[in-house]
Amino acid sequence: MSRVCRLTGKGRQVEYNVSHANKQDQADVPAQPAERDLISDALGQSVKLRVSTAGLRSVEHVGGLDNWLLKTSDEKLSTKARRLKREIAKKQAAETA
C-alpha cells in the first residue's frame, strides 16, 4: 500500500542533508498517513481512510468530511474517496428534491 493521503494526495517529499563541508545529498521523507475513521453526516456512517495529519486538519477546518469531499477536485482524491463523494452528492440531491 502506498504512503499517500487519500484525501489530499500528499506523498513523499524530498529534502537535502547538508554536511559540514556543505555537500548536499537528497533524502526522501515519506508521508505517514494513518488509518482513521471519519464520520460522514450525509451518509450517517463512519468511513475508514488513510489520512495524513495535514489532511485531518484540513477536513476539520472546512467543516467535516462531506464538505471536504464536495469541495475537492476529483484528481486529488483516491478512488474510494471519489466513490464517497458521488454517494454524498446523490444523497444531498435526493434530500433537496
C-alpha atoms as a PDB file:
ATOM      1  CA  MET A   1       0.000   0.000   0.000  1.00  0.00           C
ATOM      2  CA  SER A   2       1.409   3.366  -0.990  1.00  0.00           C
ATOM      3  CA  ARG A   3       2.079   6.078   1.529  1.00  0.00           C
ATOM      4  CA  VAL A   4      -0.233   8.682   0.066  1.00  0.00           C
ATOM      5  CA  CYS A   5      -3.005  10.563   1.824  1.00  0.00           C
ATOM      6  CA  ARG A   6      -6.356   9.516   0.333  1.00  0.00           C
ATOM      7  CA  LEU A   7      -7.870  12.989   0.757  1.00  0.00           C
ATOM      8  CA  THR A   8      -5.124  15.475  -0.048  1.00  0.00           C
ATOM      9  CA  GLY A   9      -2.918  13.342  -2.292  1.00  0.00           C
ATOM     10  CA  LYS A  10       0.172  14.218  -0.271  1.00  0.00           C
ATOM     11  CA  GLY A  11       3.014  11.795  -0.829  1.00  0.00           C
ATOM     12  CA  ARG A  12       6.726  11.823  -0.215  1.00  0.00           C
ATOM     13  CA  GLN A  13       8.814  14.968  -0.098  1.00  0.00           C
ATOM     14  CA  VAL A  14      12.480  15.438  -0.948  1.00  0.00           C
ATOM     15  CA  GLU A  15      14.871  17.139   1.444  1.00  0.00           C
ATOM     16  CA  TYR A  16      18.602  17.782   1.409  1.00  0.00           C
ATOM     17  CA  ASN A  17      21.022  16.558   4.040  1.00  0.00           C
ATOM     18  CA  VAL A  18      23.800  19.149   4.177  1.00  0.00           C
ATOM     19  CA  SER A  19      27.147  18.089   5.605  1.00  0.00           C
ATOM     20  CA  HIS A  20      29.694  20.252   7.402  1.00  0.00           C
ATOM     21  CA  ALA A  21      31.571  20.546   4.097  1.00  0.00           C
ATOM     22  CA  ASN A  22      28.315  21.836   2.537  1.00  0.00           C
ATOM     23  CA  LYS A  23      27.782  18.756   0.367  1.00  0.00           C
ATOM     24  CA  GLN A  24      24.117  18.179  -0.351  1.00  0.00           C
ATOM     25  CA  ASP A  25      22.597  14.694  -0.556  1.00  0.00           C
ATOM     26  CA  GLN A  26      18.961  14.120  -1.394  1.00  0.00           C
ATOM     27  CA  ALA A  27      16.886  12.180   1.090  1.00  0.00           C
ATOM     28  CA  ASP A  28      13.253  11.089   0.880  1.00  0.00           C
ATOM     29  CA  VAL A  29      10.806  11.938   3.639  1.00  0.00           C
ATOM     30  CA  PRO A  30       7.832   9.589   3.275  1.00  0.00           C
ATOM     31  CA  ALA A  31       4.375  10.713   4.255  1.00  0.00           C
ATOM     32  CA  GLN A  32       2.950   8.830   7.214  1.00  0.00           C
ATOM     33  CA  PRO A  33      -0.782   8.552   6.716  1.00  0.00           C
ATOM     34  CA  ALA A  34      -2.706   6.676   9.380  1.00  0.00           C
ATOM     35  CA  GLU A  35      -5.914   4.669   9.071  1.00  0.00           C
ATOM     36  CA  ARG A  36      -8.658   6.871  10.549  1.00  0.00           C
ATOM     37  CA  ASP A  37     -12.414   6.619  10.948  1.00  0.00           C
ATOM     38  CA  LEU A  38     -14.066   9.739   9.547  1.00  0.00           C
ATOM     39  CA  ILE A  39     -17.786  10.321  10.026  1.00  0.00           C
ATOM     40  CA  SER A  40     -19.977  11.272   7.093  1.00  0.00           C
ATOM     41  CA  ASP A  41     -23.021  13.246   8.238  1.00  0.00           C
ATOM     42  CA  ALA A  42     -24.910  12.804   4.970  1.00  0.00           C
ATOM     43  CA  LEU A  43     -24.463   9.023   4.864  1.00  0.00           C
ATOM     44  CA  GLY A  44     -24.769   8.585   8.611  1.00  0.00           C
ATOM     45  CA  GLN A  45     -21.830   6.197   8.882  1.00  0.00           C
ATOM     46  CA  SER A  46     -18.112   6.164   9.567  1.00  0.00           C
ATOM     47  CA  VAL A  47     -15.603   5.608   6.782  1.00  0.00           C
ATOM     48  CA  LYS A  48     -12.046   4.265   7.098  1.00  0.00           C
ATOM     49  CA  LEU A  49      -9.438   6.201   5.109  1.00  0.00           C
ATOM     50  CA  ARG A  50      -5.650   6.550   5.207  1.00  0.00           C
ATOM     51  CA  VAL A  51      -5.247  10.241   6.011  1.00  0.00           C
ATOM     52  CA  SER A  52      -2.250  12.392   6.895  1.00  0.00           C
ATOM     53  CA  THR A  53      -2.385  14.762   9.856  1.00  0.00           C
ATOM     54  CA  ALA A  54      -2.472  17.718   7.477  1.00  0.00           C
ATOM     55  CA  GLY A  55      -5.477  16.115   5.789  1.00  0.00           C
ATOM     56  CA  LEU A  56      -7.254  15.734   9.126  1.00  0.00           C
ATOM     57  CA  ARG A  57      -6.641  19.389   9.960  1.00  0.00           C
ATOM     58  CA  SER A  58      -7.962  20.423   6.554  1.00  0.00           C
ATOM     59  CA  VAL A  59     -11.118  18.335   6.958  1.00  0.00           C
ATOM     60  CA  GLU A  60     -11.786  19.866  10.376  1.00  0.00           C
ATOM     61  CA  HIS A  61     -11.118  23.382   9.049  1.00  0.00           C
ATOM     62  CA  VAL A  62     -13.637  23.021   6.210  1.00  0.00           C
ATOM     63  CA  GLY A  63     -16.314  21.613   8.495  1.00  0.00           C
ATOM     64  CA  GLY A  64     -16.314  17.858   8.080  1.00  0.00           C
ATOM     65  CA  LEU A  65     -15.743  15.082   5.596  1.00  0.00           C
ATOM     66  CA  ASP A  66     -18.801  15.849   3.472  1.00  0.00           C
ATOM     67  CA  ASN A  67     -17.831  19.476   2.880  1.00  0.00           C
ATOM     68  CA  TRP A  68     -14.236  18.497   2.140  1.00  0.00           C
ATOM     69  CA  LEU A  69     -15.156  15.879  -0.458  1.00  0.00           C
ATOM     70  CA  LEU A  70     -17.666  18.100  -2.244  1.00  0.00           C
ATOM     71  CA  LYS A  71     -15.166  20.974  -2.370  1.00  0.00           C
ATOM     72  CA  THR A  72     -12.131  18.995  -3.566  1.00  0.00           C
ATOM     73  CA  SER A  73     -11.459  18.154  -7.220  1.00  0.00           C
ATOM     74  CA  ASP A  74     -11.542  14.510  -8.295  1.00  0.00           C
ATOM     75  CA  GLU A  75      -7.893  14.492  -9.415  1.00  0.00           C
ATOM     76  CA  LYS A  76      -6.654  14.789  -5.825  1.00  0.00           C
ATOM     77  CA  LEU A  77      -8.932  12.099  -4.402  1.00  0.00           C
ATOM     78  CA  SER A  78      -8.443   8.344  -4.349  1.00  0.00           C
ATOM     79  CA  THR A  79     -10.991   6.029  -5.958  1.00  0.00           C
ATOM     80  CA  LYS A  80     -12.609   5.243  -2.601  1.00  0.00           C
ATOM     81  CA  ALA A  81     -12.904   8.967  -1.821  1.00  0.00           C
ATOM     82  CA  ARG A  82     -14.405   9.628  -5.276  1.00  0.00           C
ATOM     83  CA  ARG A  83     -16.985   6.914  -4.652  1.00  0.00           C
ATOM     84  CA  LEU A  84     -17.862   8.514  -1.317  1.00  0.00           C
ATOM     85  CA  LYS A  85     -18.148  11.908  -2.992  1.00  0.00           C
ATOM     86  CA  ARG A  86     -20.653  10.525  -5.526  1.00  0.00           C
ATOM     87  CA  GLU A  87     -22.713   8.852  -2.789  1.00  0.00           C
ATOM     88  CA  ILE A  88     -22.806  12.051  -0.735  1.00  0.00           C
ATOM     89  CA  ALA A  89     -23.800  14.140  -3.778  1.00  0.00           C
ATOM     90  CA  LYS A  90     -26.606  11.694  -4.617  1.00  0.00           C
ATOM     91  CA  LYS A  91     -27.851  11.703  -1.027  1.00  0.00           C
ATOM     92  CA  GLN A  92     -27.874  15.506  -0.853  1.00  0.00           C
ATOM     93  CA  ALA A  93     -29.589  15.791  -4.257  1.00  0.00           C
ATOM     94  CA  ALA A  94     -32.274  13.350  -3.100  1.00  0.00           C
ATOM     95  CA  GLU A  95     -32.838  15.317   0.100  1.00  0.00           C
ATOM     96  CA  THR A  96     -33.226  18.652  -1.707  1.00  0.00           C
ATOM     97  CA  ALA A  97     -35.536  17.255  -4.411  1.00  0.00           C
END
